[in-house]
PDB file of N, CA and C in Angstrom:
ATOM      1  N   MET A   1       0.853  -1.176   0.000  1.00  0.00           N
ATOM      2  CA  MET A   1       0.000   0.000   0.000  1.00  0.00           C
ATOM      3  C   MET A   1       0.897   1.235   0.000  1.00  0.00           C
ATOM      4  N   SER A   2       0.613   2.176  -0.871  1.00  0.00           N
ATOM      5  CA  SER A   2       1.414   3.398  -0.930  1.00  0.00           C
ATOM      6  C   SER A   2       1.046   4.326   0.214  1.00  0.00           C
ATOM      7  N   ASP A   3       1.908   5.317   0.485  1.00  0.00           N
ATOM      8  CA  ASP A   3       1.617   6.303   1.524  1.00  0.00           C
ATOM      9  C   ASP A   3       0.326   7.048   1.220  1.00  0.00           C
ATOM     10  N   LEU A   4       0.065   7.347  -0.061  1.00  0.00           N
ATOM     11  CA  LEU A   4      -1.149   8.080  -0.419  1.00  0.00           C
ATOM     12  C   LEU A   4      -2.400   7.275  -0.127  1.00  0.00           C
ATOM     13  N   SER A   5      -2.404   5.992  -0.431  1.00  0.00           N
ATOM     14  CA  SER A   5      -3.606   5.200  -0.199  1.00  0.00           C
ATOM     15  C   SER A   5      -3.837   4.967   1.285  1.00  0.00           C
ATOM     16  N   PHE A   6      -2.801   5.011   2.103  1.00  0.00           N
ATOM     17  CA  PHE A   6      -2.959   4.828   3.549  1.00  0.00           C
ATOM     18  C   PHE A   6      -3.806   5.940   4.152  1.00  0.00           C
ATOM     19  N   ARG A   7      -3.651   7.147   3.685  1.00  0.00           N
ATOM     20  CA  ARG A   7      -4.382   8.293   4.217  1.00  0.00           C
ATOM     21  C   ARG A   7      -5.618   8.625   3.380  1.00  0.00           C
ATOM     22  N   SER A   8      -5.910   7.850   2.393  1.00  0.00           N
ATOM     23  CA  SER A   8      -7.004   8.144   1.471  1.00  0.00           C
ATOM     24  C   SER A   8      -8.360   7.854   2.086  1.00  0.00           C
ATOM     25  N   MET A   9      -9.378   8.453   1.465  1.00  0.00           N
ATOM     26  CA  MET A   9     -10.748   8.219   1.909  1.00  0.00           C
ATOM     27  C   MET A   9     -11.663   8.215   0.698  1.00  0.00           C
ATOM     28  N   CYS A  10     -12.800   7.555   0.851  1.00  0.00           N
ATOM     29  CA  CYS A  10     -13.834   7.548  -0.176  1.00  0.00           C
ATOM     30  C   CYS A  10     -15.018   8.343   0.345  1.00  0.00           C
ATOM     31  N   PHE A  11     -15.664   9.074  -0.543  1.00  0.00           N
ATOM     32  CA  PHE A  11     -16.846   9.845  -0.174  1.00  0.00           C
ATOM     33  C   PHE A  11     -17.681  10.103  -1.421  1.00  0.00           C
ATOM     34  N   THR A  12     -18.913  10.492  -1.203  1.00  0.00           N
ATOM     35  CA  THR A  12     -19.812  10.849  -2.292  1.00  0.00           C
ATOM     36  C   THR A  12     -19.807  12.363  -2.398  1.00  0.00           C
ATOM     37  N   TYR A  13     -19.648  12.868  -3.617  1.00  0.00           N
ATOM     38  CA  TYR A  13     -19.533  14.311  -3.837  1.00  0.00           C
ATOM     39  C   TYR A  13     -20.487  14.754  -4.938  1.00  0.00           C
ATOM     40  N   THR A  14     -21.173  15.857  -4.687  1.00  0.00           N
ATOM     41  CA  THR A  14     -22.025  16.471  -5.701  1.00  0.00           C
ATOM     42  C   THR A  14     -21.344  17.759  -6.147  1.00  0.00           C
ATOM     43  N   ASN A  15     -20.948  17.829  -7.419  1.00  0.00           N
ATOM     44  CA  ASN A  15     -20.198  18.997  -7.900  1.00  0.00           C
ATOM     45  C   ASN A  15     -21.114  20.186  -8.200  1.00  0.00           C
ATOM     46  N   HIS A  16     -20.519  21.268  -8.668  1.00  0.00           N
ATOM     47  CA  HIS A  16     -21.257  22.513  -8.916  1.00  0.00           C
ATOM     48  C   HIS A  16     -22.323  22.375 -10.008  1.00  0.00           C
ATOM     49  N   ARG A  17     -22.235  21.345 -10.841  1.00  0.00           N
ATOM     50  CA  ARG A  17     -23.248  21.099 -11.878  1.00  0.00           C
ATOM     51  C   ARG A  17     -24.365  20.175 -11.403  1.00  0.00           C
ATOM     52  N   GLY A  18     -24.235  19.694 -10.156  1.00  0.00           N
ATOM     53  CA  GLY A  18     -25.240  18.788  -9.618  1.00  0.00           C
ATOM     54  C   GLY A  18     -24.985  17.326  -9.909  1.00  0.00           C
ATOM     55  N   VAL A  19     -23.797  16.998 -10.445  1.00  0.00           N
ATOM     56  CA  VAL A  19     -23.443  15.612 -10.749  1.00  0.00           C
ATOM     57  C   VAL A  19     -22.865  14.963  -9.493  1.00  0.00           C
ATOM     58  N   THR A  20     -23.442  13.833  -9.100  1.00  0.00           N
ATOM     59  CA  THR A  20     -22.996  13.120  -7.910  1.00  0.00           C
ATOM     60  C   THR A  20     -22.169  11.907  -8.315  1.00  0.00           C
ATOM     61  N   ALA A  21     -21.028  11.721  -7.634  1.00  0.00           N
ATOM     62  CA  ALA A  21     -20.151  10.591  -7.931  1.00  0.00           C
ATOM     63  C   ALA A  21     -19.380  10.194  -6.680  1.00  0.00           C
ATOM     64  N   ARG A  22     -18.917   8.969  -6.662  1.00  0.00           N
ATOM     65  CA  ARG A  22     -18.067   8.465  -5.588  1.00  0.00           C
ATOM     66  C   ARG A  22     -16.657   8.952  -5.871  1.00  0.00           C
ATOM     67  N   ARG A  23     -15.966   9.487  -4.869  1.00  0.00           N
ATOM     68  CA  ARG A  23     -14.604   9.997  -5.058  1.00  0.00           C
ATOM     69  C   ARG A  23     -13.646   9.281  -4.119  1.00  0.00           C
ATOM     70  N   TRP A  24     -12.431   9.088  -4.573  1.00  0.00           N
ATOM     71  CA  TRP A  24     -11.349   8.487  -3.793  1.00  0.00           C
ATOM     72  C   TRP A  24     -10.242   9.520  -3.785  1.00  0.00           C
ATOM     73  N   ALA A  25      -9.915  10.052  -2.614  1.00  0.00           N
ATOM     74  CA  ALA A  25      -8.962  11.160  -2.537  1.00  0.00           C
ATOM     75  C   ALA A  25      -8.127  11.088  -1.264  1.00  0.00           C
ATOM     76  N   THR A  26      -6.980  11.738  -1.340  1.00  0.00           N
ATOM     77  CA  THR A  26      -6.096  11.880  -0.186  1.00  0.00           C
ATOM     78  C   THR A  26      -6.110  13.340   0.239  1.00  0.00           C
ATOM     79  N   PRO A  27      -6.579  13.637   1.460  1.00  0.00           N
ATOM     80  CA  PRO A  27      -6.626  15.022   1.925  1.00  0.00           C
ATOM     81  C   PRO A  27      -5.241  15.658   1.997  1.00  0.00           C
ATOM     82  N   LEU A  28      -5.160  16.925   1.589  1.00  0.00           N
ATOM     83  CA  LEU A  28      -3.909  17.676   1.640  1.00  0.00           C
ATOM     84  C   LEU A  28      -4.037  18.932   2.496  1.00  0.00           C
ATOM     85  N   GLY A  29      -5.251  19.455   2.630  1.00  0.00           N
ATOM     86  CA  GLY A  29      -5.447  20.675   3.408  1.00  0.00           C
ATOM     87  C   GLY A  29      -6.906  21.072   3.462  1.00  0.00           C
ATOM     88  N   LEU A  30      -7.158  22.066   4.289  1.00  0.00           N
ATOM     89  CA  LEU A  30      -8.507  22.572   4.480  1.00  0.00           C
ATOM     90  C   LEU A  30      -8.424  24.080   4.573  1.00  0.00           C
ATOM     91  N   ARG A  31      -9.358  24.789   3.928  1.00  0.00           N
ATOM     92  CA  ARG A  31      -9.342  26.248   4.001  1.00  0.00           C
ATOM     93  C   ARG A  31     -10.761  26.793   3.884  1.00  0.00           C
ATOM     94  N   TRP A  32     -10.941  28.008   4.370  1.00  0.00           N
ATOM     95  CA  TRP A  32     -12.195  28.744   4.213  1.00  0.00           C
ATOM     96  C   TRP A  32     -12.001  29.668   3.026  1.00  0.00           C
ATOM     97  N   GLY A  33     -12.887  29.624   2.044  1.00  0.00           N
ATOM     98  CA  GLY A  33     -12.712  30.505   0.899  1.00  0.00           C
ATOM     99  C   GLY A  33     -13.706  30.248  -0.208  1.00  0.00           C
ATOM    100  N   VAL A  34     -13.374  30.769  -1.368  1.00  0.00           N
ATOM    101  CA  VAL A  34     -14.205  30.641  -2.565  1.00  0.00           C
ATOM    102  C   VAL A  34     -13.335  30.157  -3.723  1.00  0.00           C
ATOM    103  N   THR A  35     -13.993  29.643  -4.758  1.00  0.00           N
ATOM    104  CA  THR A  35     -13.317  29.283  -6.003  1.00  0.00           C
ATOM    105  C   THR A  35     -14.206  29.754  -7.150  1.00  0.00           C
ATOM    106  N   ASP A  36     -13.738  29.567  -8.369  1.00  0.00           N
ATOM    107  CA  ASP A  36     -14.560  29.907  -9.536  1.00  0.00           C
ATOM    108  C   ASP A  36     -15.857  29.099  -9.542  1.00  0.00           C
ATOM    109  N   TRP A  37     -15.810  27.859  -9.028  1.00  0.00           N
ATOM    110  CA  TRP A  37     -16.971  26.975  -9.033  1.00  0.00           C
ATOM    111  C   TRP A  37     -17.802  27.104  -7.765  1.00  0.00           C
ATOM    112  N   HIS A  38     -17.225  27.681  -6.707  1.00  0.00           N
ATOM    113  CA  HIS A  38     -17.914  27.849  -5.422  1.00  0.00           C
ATOM    114  C   HIS A  38     -17.782  29.309  -4.998  1.00  0.00           C
ATOM    115  N   PRO A  39     -18.613  30.205  -5.547  1.00  0.00           N
ATOM    116  CA  PRO A  39     -18.461  31.638  -5.286  1.00  0.00           C
ATOM    117  C   PRO A  39     -18.887  32.087  -3.882  1.00  0.00           C
ATOM    118  N   MET A  40     -19.646  31.253  -3.162  1.00  0.00           N
ATOM    119  CA  MET A  40     -20.027  31.590  -1.790  1.00  0.00           C
ATOM    120  C   MET A  40     -18.972  31.021  -0.840  1.00  0.00           C
ATOM    121  N   PRO A  41     -18.525  31.793   0.155  1.00  0.00           N
ATOM    122  CA  PRO A  41     -17.500  31.293   1.084  1.00  0.00           C
ATOM    123  C   PRO A  41     -17.947  30.014   1.798  1.00  0.00           C
ATOM    124  N   GLY A  42     -17.012  29.124   1.973  1.00  0.00           N
ATOM    125  CA  GLY A  42     -17.272  27.867   2.673  1.00  0.00           C
ATOM    126  C   GLY A  42     -15.988  27.103   2.877  1.00  0.00           C
ATOM    127  N   TRP A  43     -16.072  25.995   3.635  1.00  0.00           N
ATOM    128  CA  TRP A  43     -14.907  25.145   3.869  1.00  0.00           C
ATOM    129  C   TRP A  43     -14.613  24.325   2.621  1.00  0.00           C
ATOM    130  N   LEU A  44     -13.356  24.353   2.193  1.00  0.00           N
ATOM    131  CA  LEU A  44     -12.910  23.636   1.004  1.00  0.00           C
ATOM    132  C   LEU A  44     -11.815  22.644   1.380  1.00  0.00           C
ATOM    133  N   LEU A  45     -11.994  21.420   0.947  1.00  0.00           N
ATOM    134  CA  LEU A  45     -11.016  20.360   1.177  1.00  0.00           C
ATOM    135  C   LEU A  45     -10.119  20.265  -0.049  1.00  0.00           C
ATOM    136  N   LEU A  46      -8.835  20.537   0.121  1.00  0.00           N
ATOM    137  CA  LEU A  46      -7.856  20.316  -0.949  1.00  0.00           C
ATOM    138  C   LEU A  46      -7.408  18.873  -0.828  1.00  0.00           C
ATOM    139  N   ALA A  47      -7.500  18.127  -1.919  1.00  0.00           N
ATOM    140  CA  ALA A  47      -7.150  16.712  -1.888  1.00  0.00           C
ATOM    141  C   ALA A  47      -6.611  16.270  -3.241  1.00  0.00           C
ATOM    142  N   PHE A  48      -5.830  15.190  -3.217  1.00  0.00           N
ATOM    143  CA  PHE A  48      -5.409  14.554  -4.459  1.00  0.00           C
ATOM    144  C   PHE A  48      -6.489  13.556  -4.838  1.00  0.00           C
ATOM    145  N   ASP A  49      -7.148  13.783  -5.972  1.00  0.00           N
ATOM    146  CA  ASP A  49      -8.212  12.923  -6.474  1.00  0.00           C
ATOM    147  C   ASP A  49      -7.561  11.801  -7.280  1.00  0.00           C
ATOM    148  N   HIS A  50      -7.628  10.574  -6.768  1.00  0.00           N
ATOM    149  CA  HIS A  50      -6.944   9.445  -7.419  1.00  0.00           C
ATOM    150  C   HIS A  50      -7.553   9.087  -8.765  1.00  0.00           C
ATOM    151  N   ASP A  51      -8.850   9.256  -8.915  1.00  0.00           N
ATOM    152  CA  ASP A  51      -9.485   8.937 -10.202  1.00  0.00           C
ATOM    153  C   ASP A  51      -9.142   9.966 -11.270  1.00  0.00           C
ATOM    154  N   LYS A  52      -9.024  11.230 -10.884  1.00  0.00           N
ATOM    155  CA  LYS A  52      -8.676  12.294 -11.833  1.00  0.00           C
ATOM    156  C   LYS A  52      -7.175  12.434 -12.009  1.00  0.00           C
ATOM    157  N   GLY A  53      -6.400  11.925 -11.036  1.00  0.00           N
ATOM    158  CA  GLY A  53      -4.945  12.020 -11.099  1.00  0.00           C
ATOM    159  C   GLY A  53      -4.435  13.437 -10.902  1.00  0.00           C
ATOM    160  N   ALA A  54      -5.174  14.236 -10.116  1.00  0.00           N
ATOM    161  CA  ALA A  54      -4.803  15.642  -9.923  1.00  0.00           C
ATOM    162  C   ALA A  54      -5.380  16.163  -8.605  1.00  0.00           C
ATOM    163  N   GLU A  55      -4.834  17.285  -8.153  1.00  0.00           N
ATOM    164  CA  GLU A  55      -5.377  17.947  -6.975  1.00  0.00           C
ATOM    165  C   GLU A  55      -6.700  18.607  -7.334  1.00  0.00           C
ATOM    166  N   ARG A  56      -7.658  18.513  -6.403  1.00  0.00           N
ATOM    167  CA  ARG A  56      -8.968  19.126  -6.566  1.00  0.00           C
ATOM    168  C   ARG A  56      -9.386  19.725  -5.231  1.00  0.00           C
ATOM    169  N   GLU A  57     -10.305  20.700  -5.278  1.00  0.00           N
ATOM    170  CA  GLU A  57     -10.905  21.223  -4.062  1.00  0.00           C
ATOM    171  C   GLU A  57     -12.368  20.800  -4.030  1.00  0.00           C
ATOM    172  N   PHE A  58     -12.796  20.295  -2.887  1.00  0.00           N
ATOM    173  CA  PHE A  58     -14.161  19.829  -2.691  1.00  0.00           C
ATOM    174  C   PHE A  58     -14.803  20.672  -1.603  1.00  0.00           C
ATOM    175  N   ARG A  59     -15.962  21.222  -1.889  1.00  0.00           N
ATOM    176  CA  ARG A  59     -16.693  21.976  -0.869  1.00  0.00           C
ATOM    177  C   ARG A  59     -17.265  20.969   0.127  1.00  0.00           C
ATOM    178  N   LEU A  60     -16.924  21.121   1.410  1.00  0.00           N
ATOM    179  CA  LEU A  60     -17.330  20.139   2.407  1.00  0.00           C
ATOM    180  C   LEU A  60     -18.844  19.985   2.502  1.00  0.00           C
ATOM    181  N   GLU A  61     -19.587  21.063   2.277  1.00  0.00           N
ATOM    182  CA  GLU A  61     -21.052  20.975   2.312  1.00  0.00           C
ATOM    183  C   GLU A  61     -21.597  20.014   1.267  1.00  0.00           C
ATOM    184  N   GLU A  62     -20.810  19.736   0.230  1.00  0.00           N
ATOM    185  CA  GLU A  62     -21.260  18.889  -0.871  1.00  0.00           C
ATOM    186  C   GLU A  62     -20.684  17.474  -0.789  1.00  0.00           C
ATOM    187  N   CYS A  63     -20.019  17.164   0.324  1.00  0.00           N
ATOM    188  CA  CYS A  63     -19.435  15.837   0.547  1.00  0.00           C
ATOM    189  C   CYS A  63     -20.291  15.042   1.515  1.00  0.00           C
ATOM    190  N   GLN A  64     -20.401  13.760   1.257  1.00  0.00           N
ATOM    191  CA  GLN A  64     -21.052  12.840   2.189  1.00  0.00           C
ATOM    192  C   GLN A  64     -20.023  11.782   2.551  1.00  0.00           C
ATOM    193  N   PHE A  65     -19.551  11.860   3.797  1.00  0.00           N
ATOM    194  CA  PHE A  65     -18.523  10.938   4.274  1.00  0.00           C
ATOM    195  C   PHE A  65     -19.169   9.764   4.994  1.00  0.00           C
ATOM    196  N   GLU A  66     -18.618   8.586   4.782  1.00  0.00           N
ATOM    197  CA  GLU A  66     -19.092   7.370   5.435  1.00  0.00           C
ATOM    198  C   GLU A  66     -17.940   6.766   6.219  1.00  0.00           C
ATOM    199  N   PRO A  67     -18.101   6.619   7.521  1.00  0.00           N
ATOM    200  CA  PRO A  67     -16.977   6.157   8.340  1.00  0.00           C
ATOM    201  C   PRO A  67     -16.458   4.776   7.995  1.00  0.00           C
ATOM    202  N   THR A  68     -17.261   3.942   7.359  1.00  0.00           N
ATOM    203  CA  THR A  68     -16.816   2.591   7.047  1.00  0.00           C
ATOM    204  C   THR A  68     -16.461   2.401   5.573  1.00  0.00           C
ATOM    205  N   ALA A  69     -16.395   3.488   4.816  1.00  0.00           N
ATOM    206  CA  ALA A  69     -16.092   3.380   3.381  1.00  0.00           C
ATOM    207  C   ALA A  69     -14.720   2.757   3.169  1.00  0.00           C
ATOM    208  N   GLN A  70     -14.634   1.848   2.222  1.00  0.00           N
ATOM    209  CA  GLN A  70     -13.382   1.163   1.913  1.00  0.00           C
ATOM    210  C   GLN A  70     -12.633   1.902   0.807  1.00  0.00           C
ATOM    211  N   VAL A  71     -11.331   2.031   0.983  1.00  0.00           N
ATOM    212  CA  VAL A  71     -10.471   2.638  -0.025  1.00  0.00           C
ATOM    213  C   VAL A  71     -10.139   1.573  -1.063  1.00  0.00           C
ATOM    214  N   PRO A  72     -10.213   1.880  -2.368  1.00  0.00           N
ATOM    215  CA  PRO A  72      -9.847   0.901  -3.395  1.00  0.00           C
ATOM    216  C   PRO A  72      -8.415   0.404  -3.211  1.00  0.00           C
ATOM    217  N   GLN A  73      -8.184  -0.845  -3.495  1.00  0.00           N
ATOM    218  CA  GLN A  73      -6.843  -1.440  -3.350  1.00  0.00           C
ATOM    219  C   GLN A  73      -6.073  -1.327  -4.654  1.00  0.00           C
TER     220      GLN A  73
END
């Protein structure tokens, strides 16, 4: 298991277009702010999205975390 997958988590996310999908990501940071896609201030999770292969910011209000979610192997 890589270091990234050890700290990774799975969650359900609804993006700014209303599309809901399961995400697998490794958290990198948390901040209060806005983005081009989230113009209202809120908590944003900066994470490495393993499916996209890039860093992304997720608005916490749009995340559904499950404590027993399994990380892909």
